[in-house]
Full PDB file with SEQRES, HELIX, SHEET, SSBOND, CRYST1, ORIGX, SCALE, CONECT and MASTER records, all heavy atoms in Angstrom:
SEQRES   1 A   32  ALA LEU GLY LEU PRO ASP GLU GLN GLN PRO GLN PHE LEU          
SEQRES   2 A   32  PHE LEU SER VAL ASP PRO ARG ARG ASP THR PRO LYS LEU          
SEQRES   3 A   32  LEU ALA GLU TYR VAL LYS                                      
HELIX    1 AA1 ASP A    6  GLN A    8  5                                   3    
HELIX    2 AA2 PRO A   24  VAL A   31  1                                   8    
CRYST1    1.000    1.000    1.000  90.00  90.00  90.00 P 1           1          
ORIGX1      1.000000  0.000000  0.000000        0.00000                         
ORIGX2      0.000000  1.000000  0.000000        0.00000                         
ORIGX3      0.000000  0.000000  1.000000        0.00000                         
SCALE1      1.000000  0.000000  0.000000        0.00000                         
SCALE2      0.000000  1.000000  0.000000        0.00000                         
SCALE3      0.000000  0.000000  1.000000        0.00000                         
ATOM      1  N   ALA A   1      92.419  64.365 -33.062  1.00  0.00           N  
ATOM      2  CA  ALA A   1      92.344  64.605 -31.621  1.00  0.00           C  
ATOM      3  C   ALA A   1      93.721  64.869 -31.030  1.00  0.00           C  
ATOM      4  O   ALA A   1      93.779  65.489 -29.915  1.00  0.00           O  
ATOM      5  CB  ALA A   1      91.701  63.390 -30.974  1.00  0.00           C  
ATOM      6  N   LEU A   2      94.796  64.441 -31.704  1.00  0.00           N  
ATOM      7  CA  LEU A   2      96.125  64.663 -31.158  1.00  0.00           C  
ATOM      8  C   LEU A   2      96.632  66.082 -31.344  1.00  0.00           C  
ATOM      9  O   LEU A   2      97.681  66.474 -30.775  1.00  0.00           O  
ATOM     10  CB  LEU A   2      97.084  63.679 -31.718  1.00  0.00           C  
ATOM     11  CG  LEU A   2      96.853  62.197 -31.382  1.00  0.00           C  
ATOM     12  CD1 LEU A   2      97.850  61.273 -32.137  1.00  0.00           C  
ATOM     13  CD2 LEU A   2      96.967  62.015 -29.902  1.00  0.00           C  
ATOM     14  N   GLY A   3      95.952  66.793 -32.244  1.00  0.00           N  
ATOM     15  CA  GLY A   3      96.362  68.212 -32.441  1.00  0.00           C  
ATOM     16  C   GLY A   3      97.735  68.343 -33.187  1.00  0.00           C  
ATOM     17  O   GLY A   3      98.503  69.240 -32.819  1.00  0.00           O  
ATOM     18  N   LEU A   4      97.929  67.416 -34.101  1.00  0.00           N  
ATOM     19  CA  LEU A   4      99.246  67.466 -34.866  1.00  0.00           C  
ATOM     20  C   LEU A   4      99.281  68.694 -35.776  1.00  0.00           C  
ATOM     21  O   LEU A   4      98.241  69.205 -36.178  1.00  0.00           O  
ATOM     22  CB  LEU A   4      99.373  66.216 -35.728  1.00  0.00           C  
ATOM     23  CG  LEU A   4      99.431  64.916 -34.954  1.00  0.00           C  
ATOM     24  CD1 LEU A   4      99.468  63.690 -35.943  1.00  0.00           C  
ATOM     25  CD2 LEU A   4     100.652  64.808 -34.063  1.00  0.00           C  
ATOM     26  N   PRO A   5     100.491  69.186 -36.085  1.00  0.00           N  
ATOM     27  CA  PRO A   5     100.561  70.243 -37.129  1.00  0.00           C  
ATOM     28  C   PRO A   5      99.975  69.826 -38.457  1.00  0.00           C  
ATOM     29  O   PRO A   5      99.918  68.601 -38.769  1.00  0.00           O  
ATOM     30  CB  PRO A   5     102.102  70.422 -37.248  1.00  0.00           C  
ATOM     31  CG  PRO A   5     102.749  69.845 -36.032  1.00  0.00           C  
ATOM     32  CD  PRO A   5     101.799  68.641 -35.587  1.00  0.00           C  
ATOM     33  N   ASP A   6      99.564  70.800 -39.184  1.00  0.00           N  
ATOM     34  CA  ASP A   6      98.838  70.565 -40.458  1.00  0.00           C  
ATOM     35  C   ASP A   6      99.671  69.565 -41.393  1.00  0.00           C  
ATOM     36  O   ASP A   6      99.112  68.772 -42.035  1.00  0.00           O  
ATOM     37  CB  ASP A   6      98.536  71.840 -41.187  1.00  0.00           C  
ATOM     38  CG  ASP A   6      97.397  72.557 -40.538  1.00  0.00           C  
ATOM     39  OD1 ASP A   6      96.739  72.013 -39.699  1.00  0.00           O  
ATOM     40  OD2 ASP A   6      97.257  73.789 -40.867  1.00  0.00           O  
ATOM     41  N   GLU A   7     100.988  69.781 -41.394  1.00  0.00           N  
ATOM     42  CA  GLU A   7     101.830  69.020 -42.346  1.00  0.00           C  
ATOM     43  C   GLU A   7     101.921  67.546 -41.902  1.00  0.00           C  
ATOM     44  O   GLU A   7     102.361  66.723 -42.709  1.00  0.00           O  
ATOM     45  CB  GLU A   7     103.248  69.639 -42.488  1.00  0.00           C  
ATOM     46  CG  GLU A   7     104.079  69.623 -41.251  1.00  0.00           C  
ATOM     47  CD  GLU A   7     103.851  70.851 -40.380  1.00  0.00           C  
ATOM     48  OE1 GLU A   7     102.855  71.574 -40.634  1.00  0.00           O  
ATOM     49  OE2 GLU A   7     104.702  71.114 -39.466  1.00  0.00           O  
ATOM     50  N   GLN A   8     101.551  67.218 -40.667  1.00  0.00           N  
ATOM     51  CA  GLN A   8     101.587  65.835 -40.227  1.00  0.00           C  
ATOM     52  C   GLN A   8     100.184  65.254 -40.186  1.00  0.00           C  
ATOM     53  O   GLN A   8     100.129  63.993 -39.999  1.00  0.00           O  
ATOM     54  CB  GLN A   8     102.168  65.831 -38.723  1.00  0.00           C  
ATOM     55  CG  GLN A   8     103.631  66.318 -38.718  1.00  0.00           C  
ATOM     56  CD  GLN A   8     104.174  66.165 -37.294  1.00  0.00           C  
ATOM     57  OE1 GLN A   8     103.456  66.000 -36.415  1.00  0.00           O  
ATOM     58  NE2 GLN A   8     105.509  66.438 -37.236  1.00  0.00           N  
ATOM     59  N   GLN A   9      99.192  65.994 -40.468  1.00  0.00           N  
ATOM     60  CA  GLN A   9      97.846  65.419 -40.548  1.00  0.00           C  
ATOM     61  C   GLN A   9      97.644  64.922 -41.958  1.00  0.00           C  
ATOM     62  O   GLN A   9      97.988  65.586 -42.961  1.00  0.00           O  
ATOM     63  CB  GLN A   9      96.768  66.480 -40.281  1.00  0.00           C  
ATOM     64  CG  GLN A   9      96.725  67.008 -38.907  1.00  0.00           C  
ATOM     65  CD  GLN A   9      96.030  66.080 -37.950  1.00  0.00           C  
ATOM     66  OE1 GLN A   9      95.638  65.020 -38.294  1.00  0.00           O  
ATOM     67  NE2 GLN A   9      95.894  66.530 -36.658  1.00  0.00           N  
ATOM     68  N   PRO A  10      97.094  63.662 -42.124  1.00  0.00           N  
ATOM     69  CA  PRO A  10      96.971  63.185 -43.472  1.00  0.00           C  
ATOM     70  C   PRO A  10      95.673  63.529 -44.187  1.00  0.00           C  
ATOM     71  O   PRO A  10      94.788  63.986 -43.521  1.00  0.00           O  
ATOM     72  CB  PRO A  10      97.043  61.590 -43.253  1.00  0.00           C  
ATOM     73  CG  PRO A  10      96.406  61.507 -41.904  1.00  0.00           C  
ATOM     74  CD  PRO A  10      96.755  62.754 -41.149  1.00  0.00           C  
ATOM     75  N   GLN A  11      95.725  63.308 -45.499  1.00  0.00           N  
ATOM     76  CA  GLN A  11      94.512  63.252 -46.272  1.00  0.00           C  
ATOM     77  C   GLN A  11      94.258  61.849 -46.707  1.00  0.00           C  
ATOM     78  O   GLN A  11      95.165  61.008 -46.651  1.00  0.00           O  
ATOM     79  CB  GLN A  11      94.570  64.196 -47.457  1.00  0.00           C  
ATOM     80  CG  GLN A  11      95.693  63.899 -48.443  1.00  0.00           C  
ATOM     81  CD  GLN A  11      95.803  64.869 -49.566  1.00  0.00           C  
ATOM     82  OE1 GLN A  11      95.040  65.766 -49.687  1.00  0.00           O  
ATOM     83  NE2 GLN A  11      96.788  64.698 -50.439  1.00  0.00           N  
ATOM     84  N   PHE A  12      93.045  61.574 -47.180  1.00  0.00           N  
ATOM     85  CA  PHE A  12      92.644  60.172 -47.512  1.00  0.00           C  
ATOM     86  C   PHE A  12      92.070  60.126 -48.880  1.00  0.00           C  
ATOM     87  O   PHE A  12      91.156  60.824 -49.166  1.00  0.00           O  
ATOM     88  CB  PHE A  12      91.690  59.658 -46.390  1.00  0.00           C  
ATOM     89  CG  PHE A  12      92.179  59.713 -45.063  1.00  0.00           C  
ATOM     90  CD1 PHE A  12      92.053  60.868 -44.267  1.00  0.00           C  
ATOM     91  CD2 PHE A  12      92.834  58.580 -44.450  1.00  0.00           C  
ATOM     92  CE1 PHE A  12      92.533  60.894 -42.977  1.00  0.00           C  
ATOM     93  CE2 PHE A  12      93.331  58.684 -43.136  1.00  0.00           C  
ATOM     94  CZ  PHE A  12      93.208  59.790 -42.456  1.00  0.00           C  
ATOM     95  N   LEU A  13      92.668  59.269 -49.672  1.00  0.00           N  
ATOM     96  CA  LEU A  13      92.167  59.103 -51.055  1.00  0.00           C  
ATOM     97  C   LEU A  13      91.501  57.801 -51.235  1.00  0.00           C  
ATOM     98  O   LEU A  13      92.162  56.761 -50.865  1.00  0.00           O  
ATOM     99  CB  LEU A  13      93.352  59.202 -52.017  1.00  0.00           C  
ATOM    100  CG  LEU A  13      93.820  60.616 -52.512  1.00  0.00           C  
ATOM    101  CD1 LEU A  13      94.414  61.386 -51.375  1.00  0.00           C  
ATOM    102  CD2 LEU A  13      94.824  60.479 -53.703  1.00  0.00           C  
ATOM    103  N   PHE A  14      90.316  57.799 -51.824  1.00  0.00           N  
ATOM    104  CA  PHE A  14      89.695  56.583 -52.200  1.00  0.00           C  
ATOM    105  C   PHE A  14      89.863  56.511 -53.696  1.00  0.00           C  
ATOM    106  O   PHE A  14      89.227  57.284 -54.447  1.00  0.00           O  
ATOM    107  CB  PHE A  14      88.214  56.573 -51.829  1.00  0.00           C  
ATOM    108  CG  PHE A  14      87.453  55.350 -52.346  1.00  0.00           C  
ATOM    109  CD1 PHE A  14      87.875  54.125 -52.034  1.00  0.00           C  
ATOM    110  CD2 PHE A  14      86.322  55.524 -53.180  1.00  0.00           C  
ATOM    111  CE1 PHE A  14      87.145  52.927 -52.494  1.00  0.00           C  
ATOM    112  CE2 PHE A  14      85.634  54.463 -53.636  1.00  0.00           C  
ATOM    113  CZ  PHE A  14      86.033  53.174 -53.266  1.00  0.00           C  
ATOM    114  N   LEU A  15      90.712  55.537 -54.182  1.00  0.00           N  
ATOM    115  CA  LEU A  15      90.954  55.426 -55.630  1.00  0.00           C  
ATOM    116  C   LEU A  15      90.039  54.407 -56.169  1.00  0.00           C  
ATOM    117  O   LEU A  15      90.207  53.266 -56.052  1.00  0.00           O  
ATOM    118  CB  LEU A  15      92.523  55.025 -55.812  1.00  0.00           C  
ATOM    119  CG  LEU A  15      92.857  54.806 -57.285  1.00  0.00           C  
ATOM    120  CD1 LEU A  15      92.890  56.164 -58.043  1.00  0.00           C  
ATOM    121  CD2 LEU A  15      94.281  54.186 -57.295  1.00  0.00           C  
ATOM    122  N   SER A  16      88.985  54.845 -56.893  1.00  0.00           N  
ATOM    123  CA  SER A  16      88.011  53.979 -57.532  1.00  0.00           C  
ATOM    124  C   SER A  16      88.627  53.353 -58.800  1.00  0.00           C  
ATOM    125  O   SER A  16      89.020  54.102 -59.738  1.00  0.00           O  
ATOM    126  CB  SER A  16      86.746  54.714 -57.837  1.00  0.00           C  
ATOM    127  OG  SER A  16      85.871  53.838 -58.610  1.00  0.00           O  
ATOM    128  N   VAL A  17      88.607  51.999 -58.864  1.00  0.00           N  
ATOM    129  CA  VAL A  17      89.081  51.359 -60.093  1.00  0.00           C  
ATOM    130  C   VAL A  17      87.954  50.955 -60.998  1.00  0.00           C  
ATOM    131  O   VAL A  17      88.142  50.086 -61.889  1.00  0.00           O  
ATOM    132  CB  VAL A  17      90.007  50.193 -59.655  1.00  0.00           C  
ATOM    133  CG1 VAL A  17      91.203  50.622 -58.908  1.00  0.00           C  
ATOM    134  CG2 VAL A  17      89.196  49.149 -58.818  1.00  0.00           C  
ATOM    135  N   ASP A  18      86.803  51.502 -60.681  1.00  0.00           N  
ATOM    136  CA  ASP A  18      85.541  51.144 -61.511  1.00  0.00           C  
ATOM    137  C   ASP A  18      84.975  52.409 -62.046  1.00  0.00           C  
ATOM    138  O   ASP A  18      83.871  52.819 -61.739  1.00  0.00           O  
ATOM    139  CB  ASP A  18      84.599  50.482 -60.528  1.00  0.00           C  
ATOM    140  CG  ASP A  18      83.368  50.007 -61.281  1.00  0.00           C  
ATOM    141  OD1 ASP A  18      83.372  49.798 -62.490  1.00  0.00           O  
ATOM    142  OD2 ASP A  18      82.272  49.796 -60.594  1.00  0.00           O  
ATOM    143  N   PRO A  19      85.717  53.078 -63.016  1.00  0.00           N  
ATOM    144  CA  PRO A  19      85.262  54.390 -63.564  1.00  0.00           C  
ATOM    145  C   PRO A  19      83.997  54.237 -64.374  1.00  0.00           C  
ATOM    146  O   PRO A  19      83.254  55.235 -64.466  1.00  0.00           O  
ATOM    147  CB  PRO A  19      86.415  54.820 -64.398  1.00  0.00           C  
ATOM    148  CG  PRO A  19      87.194  53.524 -64.785  1.00  0.00           C  
ATOM    149  CD  PRO A  19      86.986  52.670 -63.599  1.00  0.00           C  
ATOM    150  N   ARG A  20      83.654  53.039 -64.762  1.00  0.00           N  
ATOM    151  CA  ARG A  20      82.476  52.840 -65.584  1.00  0.00           C  
ATOM    152  C   ARG A  20      81.213  53.284 -64.799  1.00  0.00           C  
ATOM    153  O   ARG A  20      80.261  53.832 -65.256  1.00  0.00           O  
ATOM    154  CB  ARG A  20      82.320  51.415 -66.075  1.00  0.00           C  
ATOM    155  CG  ARG A  20      81.142  51.127 -66.954  1.00  0.00           C  
ATOM    156  CD  ARG A  20      80.991  49.583 -67.241  1.00  0.00           C  
ATOM    157  NE  ARG A  20      82.140  49.159 -67.955  1.00  0.00           N  
ATOM    158  CZ  ARG A  20      82.694  47.950 -67.865  1.00  0.00           C  
ATOM    159  NH1 ARG A  20      82.189  47.103 -66.980  1.00  0.00           N  
ATOM    160  NH2 ARG A  20      83.740  47.542 -68.589  1.00  0.00           N  
ATOM    161  N   ARG A  21      81.214  52.836 -63.473  1.00  0.00           N  
ATOM    162  CA  ARG A  21      80.046  53.130 -62.652  1.00  0.00           C  
ATOM    163  C   ARG A  21      80.300  54.348 -61.657  1.00  0.00           C  
ATOM    164  O   ARG A  21      79.432  55.028 -61.304  1.00  0.00           O  
ATOM    165  CB  ARG A  21      79.708  51.871 -61.819  1.00  0.00           C  
ATOM    166  CG  ARG A  21      79.149  50.787 -62.654  1.00  0.00           C  
ATOM    167  CD  ARG A  21      78.771  49.578 -61.781  1.00  0.00           C  
ATOM    168  NE  ARG A  21      79.886  48.969 -61.126  1.00  0.00           N  
ATOM    169  CZ  ARG A  21      79.890  47.807 -60.358  1.00  0.00           C  
ATOM    170  NH1 ARG A  21      78.730  47.250 -60.197  1.00  0.00           N  
ATOM    171  NH2 ARG A  21      80.969  47.372 -59.854  1.00  0.00           N  
ATOM    172  N   ASP A  22      81.573  54.524 -61.294  1.00  0.00           N  
ATOM    173  CA  ASP A  22      81.865  55.551 -60.209  1.00  0.00           C  
ATOM    174  C   ASP A  22      82.193  56.886 -60.813  1.00  0.00           C  
ATOM    175  O   ASP A  22      83.300  57.188 -61.068  1.00  0.00           O  
ATOM    176  CB  ASP A  22      83.031  55.011 -59.360  1.00  0.00           C  
ATOM    177  CG  ASP A  22      82.591  53.826 -58.539  1.00  0.00           C  
ATOM    178  OD1 ASP A  22      81.455  53.449 -58.565  1.00  0.00           O  
ATOM    179  OD2 ASP A  22      83.505  53.277 -57.835  1.00  0.00           O  
ATOM    180  N   THR A  23      81.140  57.641 -61.166  1.00  0.00           N  
ATOM    181  CA  THR A  23      81.374  58.991 -61.665  1.00  0.00           C  
ATOM    182  C   THR A  23      81.832  59.868 -60.599  1.00  0.00           C  
ATOM    183  O   THR A  23      81.677  59.591 -59.353  1.00  0.00           O  
ATOM    184  CB  THR A  23      80.017  59.434 -62.228  1.00  0.00           C  
ATOM    185  OG1 THR A  23      79.111  59.612 -61.182  1.00  0.00           O  
ATOM    186  CG2 THR A  23      79.490  58.576 -63.334  1.00  0.00           C  
ATOM    187  N   PRO A  24      82.452  60.951 -60.892  1.00  0.00           N  
ATOM    188  CA  PRO A  24      82.805  61.981 -59.878  1.00  0.00           C  
ATOM    189  C   PRO A  24      81.716  62.391 -58.931  1.00  0.00           C  
ATOM    190  O   PRO A  24      81.888  62.495 -57.738  1.00  0.00           O  
ATOM    191  CB  PRO A  24      83.366  63.144 -60.704  1.00  0.00           C  
ATOM    192  CG  PRO A  24      83.870  62.623 -61.887  1.00  0.00           C  
ATOM    193  CD  PRO A  24      82.910  61.425 -62.250  1.00  0.00           C  
ATOM    194  N   LYS A  25      80.546  62.571 -59.523  1.00  0.00           N  
ATOM    195  CA  LYS A  25      79.375  62.946 -58.613  1.00  0.00           C  
ATOM    196  C   LYS A  25      78.979  61.859 -57.589  1.00  0.00           C  
ATOM    197  O   LYS A  25      78.781  62.174 -56.420  1.00  0.00           O  
ATOM    198  CB  LYS A  25      78.137  63.214 -59.550  1.00  0.00           C  
ATOM    199  CG  LYS A  25      76.881  63.698 -58.762  1.00  0.00           C  
ATOM    200  CD  LYS A  25      75.737  63.985 -59.686  1.00  0.00           C  
ATOM    201  CE  LYS A  25      74.500  64.392 -58.917  1.00  0.00           C  
ATOM    202  NZ  LYS A  25      73.391  64.697 -59.796  1.00  0.00           N  
ATOM    203  N   LEU A  26      78.967  60.610 -58.085  1.00  0.00           N  
ATOM    204  CA  LEU A  26      78.666  59.526 -57.172  1.00  0.00           C  
ATOM    205  C   LEU A  26      79.842  59.344 -56.108  1.00  0.00           C  
ATOM    206  O   LEU A  26      79.560  58.993 -54.958  1.00  0.00           O  
ATOM    207  CB  LEU A  26      78.510  58.183 -57.925  1.00  0.00           C  
ATOM    208  CG  LEU A  26      77.175  58.176 -58.767  1.00  0.00           C  
ATOM    209  CD1 LEU A  26      77.111  56.916 -59.568  1.00  0.00           C  
ATOM    210  CD2 LEU A  26      75.892  58.305 -57.826  1.00  0.00           C  
ATOM    211  N   LEU A  27      81.088  59.551 -56.560  1.00  0.00           N  
ATOM    212  CA  LEU A  27      82.178  59.445 -55.569  1.00  0.00           C  
ATOM    213  C   LEU A  27      82.127  60.506 -54.601  1.00  0.00           C  
ATOM    214  O   LEU A  27      82.434  60.290 -53.363  1.00  0.00           O  
ATOM    215  CB  LEU A  27      83.565  59.535 -56.345  1.00  0.00           C  
ATOM    216  CG  LEU A  27      83.994  58.277 -57.027  1.00  0.00           C  
ATOM    217  CD1 LEU A  27      85.328  58.644 -57.833  1.00  0.00           C  
ATOM    218  CD2 LEU A  27      84.219  57.156 -56.009  1.00  0.00           C  
ATOM    219  N   ALA A  28      81.673  61.699 -54.889  1.00  0.00           N  
ATOM    220  CA  ALA A  28      81.522  62.809 -53.976  1.00  0.00           C  
ATOM    221  C   ALA A  28      80.499  62.475 -52.872  1.00  0.00           C  
ATOM    222  O   ALA A  28      80.758  62.751 -51.693  1.00  0.00           O  
ATOM    223  CB  ALA A  28      81.102  64.076 -54.748  1.00  0.00           C  
ATOM    224  N   GLU A  29      79.451  61.841 -53.292  1.00  0.00           N  
ATOM    225  CA  GLU A  29      78.465  61.436 -52.319  1.00  0.00           C  
ATOM    226  C   GLU A  29      78.912  60.368 -51.378  1.00  0.00           C  
ATOM    227  O   GLU A  29      78.709  60.336 -50.217  1.00  0.00           O  
ATOM    228  CB  GLU A  29      77.191  60.953 -53.030  1.00  0.00           C  
ATOM    229  CG  GLU A  29      76.432  62.083 -53.849  1.00  0.00           C  
ATOM    230  CD  GLU A  29      75.238  61.475 -54.625  1.00  0.00           C  
ATOM    231  OE1 GLU A  29      75.022  60.291 -54.558  1.00  0.00           O  
ATOM    232  OE2 GLU A  29      74.648  62.315 -55.349  1.00  0.00           O  
ATOM    233  N   TYR A  30      79.745  59.472 -51.989  1.00  0.00           N  
ATOM    234  CA  TYR A  30      80.216  58.331 -51.235  1.00  0.00           C  
ATOM    235  C   TYR A  30      81.266  58.696 -50.172  1.00  0.00           C  
ATOM    236  O   TYR A  30      81.204  58.319 -48.969  1.00  0.00           O  
ATOM    237  CB  TYR A  30      80.797  57.281 -52.224  1.00  0.00           C  
ATOM    238  CG  TYR A  30      81.253  55.996 -51.592  1.00  0.00           C  
ATOM    239  CD1 TYR A  30      80.326  55.088 -51.074  1.00  0.00           C  
ATOM    240  CD2 TYR A  30      82.594  55.647 -51.492  1.00  0.00           C  
ATOM    241  CE1 TYR A  30      80.750  53.924 -50.502  1.00  0.00           C  
ATOM    242  CE2 TYR A  30      83.053  54.489 -50.911  1.00  0.00           C  
ATOM    243  CZ  TYR A  30      82.071  53.591 -50.414  1.00  0.00           C  
ATOM    244  OH  TYR A  30      82.467  52.387 -49.896  1.00  0.00           O  
ATOM    245  N   VAL A  31      82.355  59.497 -50.615  1.00  0.00           N  
ATOM    246  CA  VAL A  31      83.392  59.772 -49.665  1.00  0.00           C  
ATOM    247  C   VAL A  31      83.007  60.816 -48.561  1.00  0.00           C  
ATOM    248  O   VAL A  31      83.608  60.848 -47.512  1.00  0.00           O  
ATOM    249  CB  VAL A  31      84.639  60.326 -50.430  1.00  0.00           C  
ATOM    250  CG1 VAL A  31      85.182  59.248 -51.345  1.00  0.00           C  
ATOM    251  CG2 VAL A  31      84.308  61.578 -51.179  1.00  0.00           C  
ATOM    252  N   LYS A  32      81.954  61.543 -48.870  1.00  0.00           N  
ATOM    253  CA  LYS A  32      81.457  62.460 -47.868  1.00  0.00           C  
ATOM    254  C   LYS A  32      81.052  61.867 -46.638  1.00  0.00           C  
ATOM    255  O   LYS A  32      81.126  62.375 -45.481  1.00  0.00           O  
ATOM    256  CB  LYS A  32      80.202  63.302 -48.461  1.00  0.00           C  
ATOM    257  CG  LYS A  32      79.622  64.361 -47.630  1.00  0.00           C  
ATOM    258  CD  LYS A  32      78.617  65.162 -48.385  1.00  0.00           C  
ATOM    259  CE  LYS A  32      77.396  64.356 -48.782  1.00  0.00           C  
ATOM    260  NZ  LYS A  32      76.355  65.090 -49.436  1.00  0.00           N  
TER     261      LYS A  32                                                      
MASTER        0    0    0    2    0    0    0    6  260    1    0    3          
END                                                                             
């Protein structure tokens, strides 16, 4: 909402430490 330049806007990473259950497909549904 502040309209910052692209280089100042962040991205957000959810680092799953449970790869046994958290497949990429399930992570995609979750972070969406």
